[in-house]
C-alpha atoms as a PDB file:
ATOM      1  CA  MET A   1      10.378  20.102   6.174  1.00  0.00           C
ATOM      2  CA  HIS A   2      12.285  18.489   9.191  1.00  0.00           C
ATOM      3  CA  HIS A   3       9.353  16.756  11.058  1.00  0.00           C
ATOM      4  CA  LEU A   4       7.311  14.377   9.418  1.00  0.00           C
ATOM      5  CA  LEU A   5       4.220  12.568  10.517  1.00  0.00           C
ATOM      6  CA  VAL A   6       4.060   9.276   8.716  1.00  0.00           C
ATOM      7  CA  THR A   7       0.569   7.982   9.435  1.00  0.00           C
ATOM      8  CA  GLY A   8      -0.164   4.478   8.794  1.00  0.00           C
ATOM      9  CA  GLY A   9       4.028   3.983   8.955  1.00  0.00           C
ATOM     10  CA  ALA A  10       3.714   0.219  10.182  1.00  0.00           C
ATOM     11  CA  GLY A  11       1.858  -0.951   6.891  1.00  0.00           C
ATOM     12  CA  PHE A  12       3.845  -2.386   4.122  1.00  0.00           C
ATOM     13  CA  ILE A  13       4.572   0.965   1.658  1.00  0.00           C
ATOM     14  CA  GLY A  14       4.711   3.118   5.011  1.00  0.00           C
ATOM     15  CA  ALA A  15       7.088   0.949   6.711  1.00  0.00           C
ATOM     16  CA  ASN A  16       9.462   0.977   3.651  1.00  0.00           C
ATOM     17  CA  PHE A  17       9.498   4.539   2.710  1.00  0.00           C
ATOM     18  CA  VAL A  18       9.888   4.770   7.100  1.00  0.00           C
ATOM     19  CA  HIS A  19      13.293   2.693   6.242  1.00  0.00           C
ATOM     20  CA  TYR A  20      14.366   4.956   3.322  1.00  0.00           C
ATOM     21  CA  MET A  21      13.641   8.078   4.715  1.00  0.00           C
ATOM     22  CA  ILE A  22      15.566   7.723   7.583  1.00  0.00           C
ATOM     23  CA  ASP A  23      18.180   6.492   5.584  1.00  0.00           C
ATOM     24  CA  GLN A  24      18.319   8.849   3.443  1.00  0.00           C
ATOM     25  CA  TYR A  25      17.938  12.485   5.669  1.00  0.00           C
ATOM     26  CA  PRO A  26      19.394  11.672   9.192  1.00  0.00           C
ATOM     27  CA  GLU A  27      18.511  15.060   9.788  1.00  0.00           C
ATOM     28  CA  TYR A  28      14.587  14.706  10.020  1.00  0.00           C
ATOM     29  CA  HIS A  29      12.832  13.711  12.740  1.00  0.00           C
ATOM     30  CA  ILE A  30       9.820  10.625  11.414  1.00  0.00           C
ATOM     31  CA  VAL A  31       7.463  10.012  13.856  1.00  0.00           C
ATOM     32  CA  VAL A  32       5.138   6.881  13.090  1.00  0.00           C
ATOM     33  CA  TYR A  33       1.890   7.358  13.625  1.00  0.00           C
ATOM     34  CA  ASP A  34      -0.392   4.179  13.598  1.00  0.00           C
ATOM     35  CA  LYS A  35      -3.298   1.994  14.937  1.00  0.00           C
ATOM     36  CA  LEU A  36      -1.277  -1.325  13.958  1.00  0.00           C
ATOM     37  CA  THR A  37      -4.374  -2.980  13.108  1.00  0.00           C
ATOM     38  CA  TYR A  38      -4.389  -6.776  11.504  1.00  0.00           C
ATOM     39  CA  ALA A  39      -1.487  -5.055   8.772  1.00  0.00           C
ATOM     40  CA  GLY A  40       0.424  -2.542  10.335  1.00  0.00           C
ATOM     41  CA  ARG A  41       3.217  -4.154  12.565  1.00  0.00           C
ATOM     42  CA  ARG A  42       5.034  -2.500  14.077  1.00  0.00           C
ATOM     43  CA  GLU A  43       7.852  -5.206  13.330  1.00  0.00           C
ATOM     44  CA  ASN A  44       7.957  -3.631  10.171  1.00  0.00           C
ATOM     45  CA  LEU A  45      10.320  -0.930  12.403  1.00  0.00           C
ATOM     46  CA  ASP A  46      12.757  -3.122  13.452  1.00  0.00           C
ATOM     47  CA  PRO A  47      15.111  -2.196  11.617  1.00  0.00           C
ATOM     48  CA  VAL A  48      14.965   1.522  12.337  1.00  0.00           C
ATOM     49  CA  ALA A  49      13.950   1.291  16.037  1.00  0.00           C
ATOM     50  CA  ASP A  50      17.102   2.080  17.690  1.00  0.00           C
ATOM     51  CA  ARG A  51      17.761   5.439  15.308  1.00  0.00           C
ATOM     52  CA  PRO A  52      17.869   8.485  16.784  1.00  0.00           C
ATOM     53  CA  ASN A  53      15.908  10.709  14.483  1.00  0.00           C
ATOM     54  CA  TYR A  54      12.930   8.129  15.111  1.00  0.00           C
ATOM     55  CA  THR A  55       9.896   8.010  17.233  1.00  0.00           C
ATOM     56  CA  PHE A  56       6.515   6.019  17.158  1.00  0.00           C
ATOM     57  CA  ILE A  57       3.343   6.623  17.884  1.00  0.00           C
ATOM     58  CA  GLN A  58       0.005   3.668  18.551  1.00  0.00           C
ATOM     59  CA  GLY A  59      -3.175   5.955  16.914  1.00  0.00           C
ATOM     60  CA  ASP A  60      -5.788   6.045  14.646  1.00  0.00           C
ATOM     61  CA  ILE A  61      -5.909   9.391  12.491  1.00  0.00           C
ATOM     62  CA  CYS A  62      -9.988   8.860  13.051  1.00  0.00           C
ATOM     63  CA  ASP A  63      -8.802  10.483  16.767  1.00  0.00           C
ATOM     64  CA  ALA A  64      -9.089  14.767  16.293  1.00  0.00           C
ATOM     65  CA  GLU A  65      -7.681  15.186  19.506  1.00  0.00           C
ATOM     66  CA  GLN A  66      -4.778  12.875  19.436  1.00  0.00           C
ATOM     67  CA  VAL A  67      -3.621  13.805  15.612  1.00  0.00           C
ATOM     68  CA  ARG A  68      -2.889  17.368  16.897  1.00  0.00           C
ATOM     69  CA  GLN A  69      -1.311  16.340  19.887  1.00  0.00           C
ATOM     70  CA  ALA A  70       1.221  13.609  18.257  1.00  0.00           C
ATOM     71  CA  ILE A  71       1.878  17.268  15.660  1.00  0.00           C
ATOM     72  CA  THR A  72       2.401  19.762  18.363  1.00  0.00           C
ATOM     73  CA  THR A  73       4.359  17.233  20.941  1.00  0.00           C
ATOM     74  CA  HIS A  74       6.759  16.951  18.384  1.00  0.00           C
ATOM     75  CA  GLN A  75       6.180  20.081  15.823  1.00  0.00           C
ATOM     76  CA  ILE A  76       5.307  18.407  13.597  1.00  0.00           C
ATOM     77  CA  ASP A  77       5.095  20.139   9.973  1.00  0.00           C
ATOM     78  CA  THR A  78       4.491  17.961   7.506  1.00  0.00           C
ATOM     79  CA  ILE A  79       2.041  14.500   7.715  1.00  0.00           C
ATOM     80  CA  VAL A  80       2.443  11.888   4.620  1.00  0.00           C
ATOM     81  CA  ASN A  81      -0.673   9.543   4.749  1.00  0.00           C
ATOM     82  CA  PHE A  82      -0.488   5.821   4.092  1.00  0.00           C
ATOM     83  CA  ALA A  83      -2.880   5.483   6.496  1.00  0.00           C
ATOM     84  CA  ALA A  84      -6.114   3.182   4.872  1.00  0.00           C
ATOM     85  CA  GLU A  85      -7.725  -0.031   4.641  1.00  0.00           C
ATOM     86  CA  THR A  86      -6.637  -0.982   1.211  1.00  0.00           C
ATOM     87  CA  HIS A  87      -7.068  -5.145   0.380  1.00  0.00           C
ATOM     88  CA  VAL A  88     -10.408  -4.560  -2.617  1.00  0.00           C
ATOM     89  CA  ASP A  89     -11.263  -8.487  -1.022  1.00  0.00           C
ATOM     90  CA  ARG A  90     -12.318  -7.091   2.030  1.00  0.00           C
ATOM     91  CA  SER A  91     -13.462  -3.872   1.630  1.00  0.00           C
ATOM     92  CA  ILE A  92     -16.492  -6.380  -0.244  1.00  0.00           C
ATOM     93  CA  LEU A  93     -16.643  -8.122   2.712  1.00  0.00           C
ATOM     94  CA  ASP A  94     -16.473  -4.659   4.874  1.00  0.00           C
ATOM     95  CA  PRO A  95     -17.063  -1.563   3.562  1.00  0.00           C
ATOM     96  CA  ASP A  96     -17.924   0.425   6.225  1.00  0.00           C
ATOM     97  CA  ALA A  97     -14.113   0.006   8.005  1.00  0.00           C
ATOM     98  CA  PHE A  98     -13.190   1.390   4.719  1.00  0.00           C
ATOM     99  CA  VAL A  99     -15.507   4.722   4.815  1.00  0.00           C
ATOM    100  CA  LYS A 100     -14.123   5.180   8.520  1.00  0.00           C
ATOM    101  CA  THR A 101     -10.412   5.223   7.865  1.00  0.00           C
ATOM    102  CA  ASP A 102      -9.872   6.376   4.119  1.00  0.00           C
ATOM    103  CA  VAL A 103     -12.389   9.465   4.104  1.00  0.00           C
ATOM    104  CA  LEU A 104     -13.459  10.227   8.016  1.00  0.00           C
ATOM    105  CA  GLY A 105      -9.641  10.090   8.397  1.00  0.00           C
ATOM    106  CA  VAL A 106      -8.375  11.897   5.869  1.00  0.00           C
ATOM    107  CA  SER A 107     -10.949  14.813   7.277  1.00  0.00           C
ATOM    108  CA  VAL A 108      -9.430  14.487   9.841  1.00  0.00           C
ATOM    109  CA  LEU A 109      -6.070  15.320   8.646  1.00  0.00           C
ATOM    110  CA  CYS A 110      -6.906  17.947   7.019  1.00  0.00           C
ATOM    111  CA  GLU A 111      -8.409  19.886   9.852  1.00  0.00           C
ATOM    112  CA  ALA A 112      -5.510  19.224  11.795  1.00  0.00           C
ATOM    113  CA  VAL A 113      -3.411  20.608   8.124  1.00  0.00           C
ATOM    114  CA  ARG A 114      -5.467  23.681   7.845  1.00  0.00           C
ATOM    115  CA  ALA A 115      -5.767  24.595  11.761  1.00  0.00           C
ATOM    116  CA  LEU A 116      -1.632  23.946  12.834  1.00  0.00           C
ATOM    117  CA  GLN A 117      -0.522  25.919   9.350  1.00  0.00           C
ATOM    118  CA  LEU A 118       1.855  22.782   8.455  1.00  0.00           C
ATOM    119  CA  GLU A 119       4.184  23.356   5.657  1.00  0.00           C
ATOM    120  CA  ARG A 120       2.542  20.273   3.487  1.00  0.00           C
ATOM    121  CA  PHE A 121       0.459  17.455   3.066  1.00  0.00           C
ATOM    122  CA  HIS A 122       1.041  14.316   1.103  1.00  0.00           C
ATOM    123  CA  HIS A 123      -1.878  12.220   0.765  1.00  0.00           C
ATOM    124  CA  VAL A 124      -0.964   8.150  -0.972  1.00  0.00           C
ATOM    125  CA  SER A 125      -3.484   7.630  -3.447  1.00  0.00           C
ATOM    126  CA  THR A 126      -3.986   4.402  -5.725  1.00  0.00           C
ATOM    127  CA  ASP A 127      -4.296   3.736  -9.245  1.00  0.00           C
ATOM    128  CA  GLU A 128      -7.734   2.047  -9.029  1.00  0.00           C
ATOM    129  CA  VAL A 129      -9.213   5.625  -8.252  1.00  0.00           C
ATOM    130  CA  TYR A 130      -9.273   6.335 -12.055  1.00  0.00           C
ATOM    131  CA  GLY A 131     -10.955   2.579 -12.333  1.00  0.00           C
ATOM    132  CA  PRO A 132      -9.950  -0.141 -15.177  1.00  0.00           C
ATOM    133  CA  ILE A 133      -8.633   0.919 -17.988  1.00  0.00           C
ATOM    134  CA  PRO A 134      -8.380  -1.686 -21.148  1.00  0.00           C
ATOM    135  CA  GLU A 135      -6.541   0.078 -23.159  1.00  0.00           C
ATOM    136  CA  GLY A 136      -3.950   2.935 -23.441  1.00  0.00           C
ATOM    137  CA  THR A 137      -3.201   5.221 -20.215  1.00  0.00           C
ATOM    138  CA  CYS A 138      -4.602   7.189 -17.771  1.00  0.00           C
ATOM    139  CA  THR A 139      -3.214  10.831 -16.536  1.00  0.00           C
ATOM    140  CA  GLU A 140      -3.823  12.500 -13.492  1.00  0.00           C
ATOM    141  CA  THR A 141      -6.471  15.009 -15.284  1.00  0.00           C
ATOM    142  CA  ASP A 142      -9.062  12.138 -16.173  1.00  0.00           C
ATOM    143  CA  ALA A 143     -12.087  11.050 -14.518  1.00  0.00           C
ATOM    144  CA  PHE A 144     -12.875   9.253 -11.615  1.00  0.00           C
ATOM    145  CA  ARG A 145     -14.365   5.646 -11.989  1.00  0.00           C
ATOM    146  CA  PRO A 146     -13.622   3.561  -9.041  1.00  0.00           C
ATOM    147  CA  THR A 147     -15.658  -0.103  -9.288  1.00  0.00           C
ATOM    148  CA  SER A 148     -15.064  -1.232  -5.644  1.00  0.00           C
ATOM    149  CA  PRO A 149     -15.766   0.044  -2.323  1.00  0.00           C
ATOM    150  CA  TYR A 150     -12.121   0.490  -2.095  1.00  0.00           C
ATOM    151  CA  ALA A 151     -11.331   1.795  -4.482  1.00  0.00           C
ATOM    152  CA  ALA A 152     -14.288   4.667  -4.347  1.00  0.00           C
ATOM    153  CA  SER A 153     -13.434   4.872  -0.301  1.00  0.00           C
ATOM    154  CA  LYS A 154      -9.334   5.834  -1.669  1.00  0.00           C
ATOM    155  CA  ALA A 155     -11.102   8.530  -4.079  1.00  0.00           C
ATOM    156  CA  SER A 156     -13.557  10.554  -1.595  1.00  0.00           C
ATOM    157  CA  GLY A 157     -10.750  10.817   0.522  1.00  0.00           C
ATOM    158  CA  GLU A 158      -8.560  12.756  -2.512  1.00  0.00           C
ATOM    159  CA  LEU A 159     -11.829  14.476  -3.349  1.00  0.00           C
ATOM    160  CA  LEU A 160     -11.939  15.480   0.166  1.00  0.00           C
ATOM    161  CA  ALA A 161      -8.422  16.728   0.733  1.00  0.00           C
ATOM    162  CA  LEU A 162      -8.459  19.007  -3.039  1.00  0.00           C
ATOM    163  CA  SER A 163     -11.211  20.148  -2.184  1.00  0.00           C
ATOM    164  CA  TYR A 164      -9.175  21.741   1.170  1.00  0.00           C
ATOM    165  CA  HIS A 165      -6.436  22.344  -0.595  1.00  0.00           C
ATOM    166  CA  ILE A 166      -9.315  24.404  -3.079  1.00  0.00           C
ATOM    167  CA  THR A 167     -11.541  26.533  -0.253  1.00  0.00           C
ATOM    168  CA  TYR A 168      -8.602  26.813   2.102  1.00  0.00           C
ATOM    169  CA  GLY A 169      -5.335  26.276   0.465  1.00  0.00           C
ATOM    170  CA  LEU A 170      -4.315  23.864   1.754  1.00  0.00           C
ATOM    171  CA  PRO A 171      -0.519  23.150   0.868  1.00  0.00           C
ATOM    172  CA  LEU A 172      -1.803  19.410  -0.927  1.00  0.00           C
ATOM    173  CA  THR A 173       0.004  16.916  -3.046  1.00  0.00           C
ATOM    174  CA  ILE A 174      -0.991  13.604  -3.930  1.00  0.00           C
ATOM    175  CA  THR A 175       0.717  10.124  -5.865  1.00  0.00           C
ATOM    176  CA  ARG A 176      -1.540   7.985  -6.889  1.00  0.00           C
ATOM    177  CA  GLY A 177       0.879   3.770  -6.994  1.00  0.00           C
ATOM    178  CA  VAL A 178       0.208   1.289  -9.064  1.00  0.00           C
ATOM    179  CA  ASN A 179       0.282  -1.960  -7.823  1.00  0.00           C
ATOM    180  CA  THR A 180       3.451  -2.426  -5.128  1.00  0.00           C
ATOM    181  CA  TYR A 181       5.013  -5.404  -3.957  1.00  0.00           C
ATOM    182  CA  GLY A 182       8.331  -5.738  -1.656  1.00  0.00           C
ATOM    183  CA  PRO A 183       9.088  -6.761   1.725  1.00  0.00           C
ATOM    184  CA  TYR A 184       6.924  -6.715   4.224  1.00  0.00           C
ATOM    185  CA  GLN A 185       3.641  -6.643   2.756  1.00  0.00           C
ATOM    186  CA  TYR A 186       0.762  -8.286   4.309  1.00  0.00           C
ATOM    187  CA  PRO A 187       0.762 -11.508   2.517  1.00  0.00           C
ATOM    188  CA  GLU A 188      -3.252 -11.482   1.590  1.00  0.00           C
ATOM    189  CA  LYS A 189      -1.891  -9.559  -1.520  1.00  0.00           C
ATOM    190  CA  VAL A 190      -1.316 -11.079  -4.138  1.00  0.00           C
ATOM    191  CA  MET A 191       2.568 -11.827  -4.113  1.00  0.00           C
ATOM    192  CA  PRO A 192       3.214 -12.753  -1.252  1.00  0.00           C
ATOM    193  CA  LEU A 193       0.171 -14.605  -0.002  1.00  0.00           C
ATOM    194  CA  PHE A 194       1.757 -16.622  -3.926  1.00  0.00           C
ATOM    195  CA  ILE A 195       5.274 -16.864  -2.520  1.00  0.00           C
ATOM    196  CA  THR A 196       4.139 -18.171   1.629  1.00  0.00           C
ATOM    197  CA  ASN A 197       1.305 -20.484  -0.462  1.00  0.00           C
ATOM    198  CA  ALA A 198       4.221 -22.605  -2.714  1.00  0.00           C
ATOM    199  CA  LEU A 199       6.508 -22.808  -0.227  1.00  0.00           C
ATOM    200  CA  ASP A 200       3.834 -24.718   1.950  1.00  0.00           C
ATOM    201  CA  ASP A 201       2.993 -26.269  -1.086  1.00  0.00           C
ATOM    202  CA  LEU A 202      -0.066 -24.995  -0.880  1.00  0.00           C
ATOM    203  CA  PRO A 203      -2.411 -23.909  -3.419  1.00  0.00           C
ATOM    204  CA  LEU A 204      -2.348 -20.437  -5.132  1.00  0.00           C
ATOM    205  CA  PRO A 205      -6.298 -19.238  -5.695  1.00  0.00           C
ATOM    206  CA  LEU A 206      -6.107 -17.635  -8.845  1.00  0.00           C
ATOM    207  CA  TYR A 207      -9.357 -15.327  -9.726  1.00  0.00           C
ATOM    208  CA  GLY A 208     -11.108 -16.394 -12.642  1.00  0.00           C
ATOM    209  CA  ASP A 209      -8.598 -16.453 -15.740  1.00  0.00           C
ATOM    210  CA  GLY A 210      -6.046 -14.837 -13.639  1.00  0.00           C
ATOM    211  CA  ARG A 211      -5.935 -12.848 -17.304  1.00  0.00           C
ATOM    212  CA  GLN A 212      -6.080  -9.383 -14.962  1.00  0.00           C
ATOM    213  CA  VAL A 213      -3.324  -6.985 -15.992  1.00  0.00           C
ATOM    214  CA  ARG A 214      -1.365  -4.105 -13.592  1.00  0.00           C
ATOM    215  CA  ASP A 215       1.840  -2.819 -13.328  1.00  0.00           C
ATOM    216  CA  ARG A 216       4.419  -3.890 -10.893  1.00  0.00           C
ATOM    217  CA  LEU A 217       6.311  -1.466  -8.838  1.00  0.00           C
ATOM    218  CA  HIS A 218       9.037  -2.164  -6.508  1.00  0.00           C
ATOM    219  CA  VAL A 219       8.785  -0.374  -3.138  1.00  0.00           C
ATOM    220  CA  LEU A 220      11.890   0.904  -3.118  1.00  0.00           C
ATOM    221  CA  ASP A 221      10.815   2.988  -6.142  1.00  0.00           C
ATOM    222  CA  HIS A 222       7.586   3.561  -4.821  1.00  0.00           C
ATOM    223  CA  ALA A 223       9.173   5.475  -2.073  1.00  0.00           C
ATOM    224  CA  ARG A 224      11.867   7.300  -3.706  1.00  0.00           C
ATOM    225  CA  ALA A 225       8.997   8.694  -5.822  1.00  0.00           C
ATOM    226  CA  ILE A 226       7.068  10.092  -2.604  1.00  0.00           C
ATOM    227  CA  ASP A 227      10.068  11.760  -1.953  1.00  0.00           C
ATOM    228  CA  LEU A 228      10.394  13.403  -4.960  1.00  0.00           C
ATOM    229  CA  VAL A 229       6.840  15.026  -4.640  1.00  0.00           C
ATOM    230  CA  LEU A 230       7.415  16.181  -1.143  1.00  0.00           C
ATOM    231  CA  HIS A 231      10.634  17.822  -2.032  1.00  0.00           C
ATOM    232  CA  ARG A 232       9.744  18.990  -5.918  1.00  0.00           C
ATOM    233  CA  GLY A 233       5.870  18.723  -6.377  1.00  0.00           C
ATOM    234  CA  GLN A 234       3.619  21.454  -6.900  1.00  0.00           C
ATOM    235  CA  ALA A 235       0.804  22.318  -4.211  1.00  0.00           C
ATOM    236  CA  GLY A 236      -2.832  21.137  -5.896  1.00  0.00           C
ATOM    237  CA  HIS A 237      -1.456  18.375  -7.907  1.00  0.00           C
ATOM    238  CA  ALA A 238      -1.533  14.704  -8.207  1.00  0.00           C
ATOM    239  CA  TYR A 239       1.405  12.230  -9.891  1.00  0.00           C
ATOM    240  CA  ASN A 240       0.912   9.098 -11.267  1.00  0.00           C
ATOM    241  CA  VAL A 241       3.575   6.700 -10.016  1.00  0.00           C
ATOM    242  CA  ALA A 242       4.157   3.307 -12.258  1.00  0.00           C
ATOM    243  CA  ALA A 243       6.634   1.450 -12.846  1.00  0.00           C
ATOM    244  CA  ASP A 244       5.619   0.650 -17.044  1.00  0.00           C
ATOM    245  CA  CYS A 245       5.575  -3.638 -16.500  1.00  0.00           C
ATOM    246  CA  GLU A 246       2.815  -4.720 -17.121  1.00  0.00           C
ATOM    247  CA  LYS A 247       2.211  -8.637 -15.723  1.00  0.00           C
ATOM    248  CA  THR A 248      -0.829 -10.628 -15.402  1.00  0.00           C
ATOM    249  CA  ASN A 249      -1.800 -12.206 -12.555  1.00  0.00           C
ATOM    250  CA  ILE A 250      -1.062 -15.808 -13.849  1.00  0.00           C
ATOM    251  CA  GLU A 251       1.909 -14.615 -15.438  1.00  0.00           C
ATOM    252  CA  VAL A 252       3.425 -13.611 -11.697  1.00  0.00           C
ATOM    253  CA  ALA A 253       1.910 -16.943 -10.013  1.00  0.00           C
ATOM    254  CA  ARG A 254       4.033 -19.220 -12.436  1.00  0.00           C
ATOM    255  CA  LEU A 255       6.864 -16.862 -12.368  1.00  0.00           C
ATOM    256  CA  ILE A 256       6.664 -17.426  -8.496  1.00  0.00           C
ATOM    257  CA  VAL A 257       6.279 -21.688  -8.681  1.00  0.00           C
ATOM    258  CA  GLN A 258       8.653 -21.491 -11.418  1.00  0.00           C
ATOM    259  CA  ALA A 259      11.264 -19.967  -9.407  1.00  0.00           C
ATOM    260  CA  LEU A 260      10.590 -21.423  -6.466  1.00  0.00           C
ATOM    261  CA  GLY A 261      10.936 -24.823  -7.927  1.00  0.00           C
ATOM    262  CA  LYS A 262       6.934 -26.049  -7.672  1.00  0.00           C
ATOM    263  CA  PRO A 263       4.818 -28.138  -9.901  1.00  0.00           C
ATOM    264  CA  GLU A 264       2.037 -25.446 -11.969  1.00  0.00           C
ATOM    265  CA  SER A 265      -0.420 -27.708 -11.007  1.00  0.00           C
ATOM    266  CA  LEU A 266      -0.674 -25.487  -7.687  1.00  0.00           C
ATOM    267  CA  ILE A 267      -2.006 -23.237  -9.342  1.00  0.00           C
ATOM    268  CA  GLN A 268      -5.659 -23.221  -8.444  1.00  0.00           C
ATOM    269  CA  SER A 269      -7.992 -20.970  -9.965  1.00  0.00           C
ATOM    270  CA  VAL A 270     -11.368 -19.927  -7.360  1.00  0.00           C
ATOM    271  CA  THR A 271     -14.105 -18.008  -8.306  1.00  0.00           C
ATOM    272  CA  ASP A 272     -13.657 -14.453  -9.861  1.00  0.00           C
ATOM    273  CA  ARG A 273     -14.705 -11.479  -7.181  1.00  0.00           C
ATOM    274  CA  PRO A 274     -17.569  -8.946  -8.407  1.00  0.00           C
ATOM    275  CA  ALA A 275     -15.945  -5.879 -10.052  1.00  0.00           C
ATOM    276  CA  HIS A 276     -12.935  -7.448 -10.683  1.00  0.00           C
ATOM    277  CA  ASP A 277     -11.140  -4.720 -13.309  1.00  0.00           C
ATOM    278  CA  ILE A 278      -8.971  -6.108 -16.509  1.00  0.00           C
ATOM    279  CA  ARG A 279      -6.460  -3.565 -16.391  1.00  0.00           C
ATOM    280  CA  TYR A 280      -4.714  -0.209 -14.138  1.00  0.00           C
ATOM    281  CA  ALA A 281      -2.171   1.525 -16.523  1.00  0.00           C
ATOM    282  CA  LEU A 282      -1.003   5.159 -15.515  1.00  0.00           C
ATOM    283  CA  ASP A 283       1.315   7.941 -17.569  1.00  0.00           C
ATOM    284  CA  THR A 284       4.386   9.225 -15.754  1.00  0.00           C
ATOM    285  CA  SER A 285       5.305  12.175 -17.683  1.00  0.00           C
ATOM    286  CA  LYS A 286       4.430  14.025 -14.768  1.00  0.00           C
ATOM    287  CA  LEU A 287       6.747  12.450 -12.740  1.00  0.00           C
ATOM    288  CA  GLN A 288       9.114  11.880 -14.857  1.00  0.00           C
ATOM    289  CA  ALA A 289       9.715  15.707 -15.662  1.00  0.00           C
ATOM    290  CA  LEU A 290      10.343  16.253 -11.649  1.00  0.00           C
ATOM    291  CA  GLY A 291      13.176  13.427 -12.563  1.00  0.00           C
ATOM    292  CA  TRP A 292      12.259   9.929 -11.425  1.00  0.00           C
ATOM    293  CA  GLN A 293      12.146   7.320 -13.566  1.00  0.00           C
ATOM    294  CA  PRO A 294      12.037   3.351 -11.771  1.00  0.00           C
ATOM    295  CA  GLN A 295      15.377   1.830 -10.862  1.00  0.00           C
ATOM    296  CA  VAL A 296      14.631  -1.444  -9.398  1.00  0.00           C
ATOM    297  CA  ASP A 297      13.633  -2.968 -12.831  1.00  0.00           C
ATOM    298  CA  PHE A 298      10.983  -6.387 -12.412  1.00  0.00           C
ATOM    299  CA  GLU A 299      13.250  -9.612 -12.706  1.00  0.00           C
ATOM    300  CA  GLN A 300      15.774  -7.586  -9.563  1.00  0.00           C
ATOM    301  CA  GLY A 301      12.939  -6.531  -7.968  1.00  0.00           C
ATOM    302  CA  PHE A 302      10.764  -9.980  -8.095  1.00  0.00           C
ATOM    303  CA  ALA A 303      13.976 -11.967  -7.224  1.00  0.00           C
ATOM    304  CA  ALA A 304      14.984 -10.515  -4.284  1.00  0.00           C
ATOM    305  CA  THR A 305      11.161 -10.379  -2.972  1.00  0.00           C
ATOM    306  CA  ILE A 306      11.219 -13.694  -2.859  1.00  0.00           C
ATOM    307  CA  ASP A 307      14.673 -14.322  -0.871  1.00  0.00           C
ATOM    308  CA  TRP A 308      13.617 -11.789   1.340  1.00  0.00           C
ATOM    309  CA  TYR A 309       9.940 -14.364   2.195  1.00  0.00           C
ATOM    310  CA  CYS A 310      12.254 -17.057   2.053  1.00  0.00           C
ATOM    311  CA  GLN A 311      14.340 -15.715   4.410  1.00  0.00           C
ATOM    312  CA  HIS A 312      12.217 -14.103   6.864  1.00  0.00           C
ATOM    313  CA  GLN A 313       9.942 -16.918   7.582  1.00  0.00           C
ATOM    314  CA  PRO A 314       9.795 -16.199  11.005  1.00  0.00           C
ATOM    315  CA  TRP A 315       7.965 -13.208  10.264  1.00  0.00           C
ATOM    316  CA  TRP A 316       4.893 -14.334   7.725  1.00  0.00           C
ATOM    317  CA  ARG A 317       4.248 -17.445   9.706  1.00  0.00           C
ATOM    318  CA  PRO A 318       2.782 -16.686  12.864  1.00  0.00           C
ATOM    319  CA  ILE A 319       0.116 -13.900  10.710  1.00  0.00           C
ATOM    320  CA  LYS A 320      -1.067 -16.655   8.501  1.00  0.00           C
ATOM    321  CA  SER A 321      -3.469 -18.203  11.508  1.00  0.00           C
ATOM    322  CA  GLY A 322      -5.917 -16.926  13.761  1.00  0.00           C
ATOM    323  CA  ASP A 323      -8.386 -13.708  11.947  1.00  0.00           C
ATOM    324  CA  TYR A 324      -5.738 -14.551   8.793  1.00  0.00           C
ATOM    325  CA  LEU A 325      -7.567 -17.826   8.186  1.00  0.00           C
ATOM    326  CA  ALA A 326     -10.896 -16.866   9.316  1.00  0.00           C
ATOM    327  CA  TYR A 327     -10.802 -13.534   6.579  1.00  0.00           C
ATOM    328  CA  TYR A 328      -8.920 -16.905   4.043  1.00  0.00           C
ATOM    329  CA  ARG A 329     -12.295 -18.599   4.681  1.00  0.00           C
ATOM    330  CA  ARG A 330     -14.486 -16.936   4.202  1.00  0.00           C
ATOM    331  CA  GLN A 331     -12.339 -15.162   0.992  1.00  0.00           C
ATOM    332  CA  TYR A 332     -11.388 -18.732  -0.729  1.00  0.00           C
ATOM    333  CA  GLY A 333     -13.456 -21.338   0.952  1.00  0.00           C
ATOM    334  CA  GLU A 334     -13.437 -24.222   3.389  1.00  0.00           C
ATOM    335  CA  HIS A 335     -11.371 -26.547   1.250  1.00  0.00           C
ATOM    336  CA  LEU A 336      -8.452 -24.083   0.841  1.00  0.00           C
ATOM    337  CA  ALA A 337      -9.158 -22.203   4.301  1.00  0.00           C
ATOM    338  CA  THR A 338      -8.255 -25.714   5.753  1.00  0.00           C
ATOM    339  CA  LEU A 339      -4.925 -27.131   3.873  1.00  0.00           C
ATOM    340  CA  LEU A 340      -3.973 -23.348   5.531  1.00  0.00           C
ATOM    341  CA  GLY A 341      -5.204 -24.298   8.942  1.00  0.00           C
ATOM    342  CA  SER A 342      -3.901 -27.476   8.719  1.00  0.00           C
ATOM    343  CA  THR A 343       0.463 -26.142   7.549  1.00  0.00           C
ATOM    344  CA  SER A 344      -0.143 -23.495  10.221  1.00  0.00           C
ATOM    345  CA  ALA A 345      -0.695 -26.091  12.966  1.00  0.00           C
ATOM    346  CA  GLN A 346       1.945 -28.018  12.404  1.00  0.00           C
ATOM    347  CA  ASP A 347       4.656 -24.653  12.584  1.00  0.00           C
END
């Protein structure tokens, strides 16, 4: 395992994983393969752009010929697949895009791994495949009960990959992660959306009563978990990745306005999204048995994340215009989009 193709490596978790792996394994060659859709940004990889063990390829995982060319050209022996459409809200607005990338794209990668006999295919999945968990925790053998097009597409991609392991002996490992936060996260997700809106004294659009519970995992701990499973995980197995740090969305919103010295009146309730799962929670005993524990506590990671968005406004301000405004209008209504648009026009 010395030549890794990291698909979706210009996205949030993918880019942070690439940063980590290039520092951790200078003897590895890391090839990022990314379509550069709205949330995949080449500048997310600027910190490693001049590293000798890094290469970037713009490509689509649904393009079988291009995938195989990247593998053969760079003598790839391992694929780590982050490439996915990931935002639940967008999956409700446009489910077709999620089926194409999260299911068809996984099929293309599995076929490439099988045909070219690679050493490992690691698939990055989500806790949302399990569906809502009102109490207790899910283990890796629990049934899938996805409720959104996003969760269903991820579950479908996983099941397809697992079928390749069972049928063809594909050397597959899977991680299912909880809500992850940190630098380079596209500001449609809760934490960067609320931070960047609060910095501009804009409303923080909170779904319903904000009592949905999510486990909050720092992206560096997520990267470490994937690294460990890559090197020590058992083929054909999935591993839950969680921080055991449950917080409701309204708690997070209040922590953000407090940290930035903003009034709680910025937190504005909006119509809840359809089928909004009340809680996710994962049992990580299996991953812990490999030697993993989260190392970034929430207070430390939260403060560092807020500081990153404060210090990197040239990264996120250009994002919050154009197509982003069109999405924001569809999701949160004309009034909030107009406020956001007025602020963007002044930047």
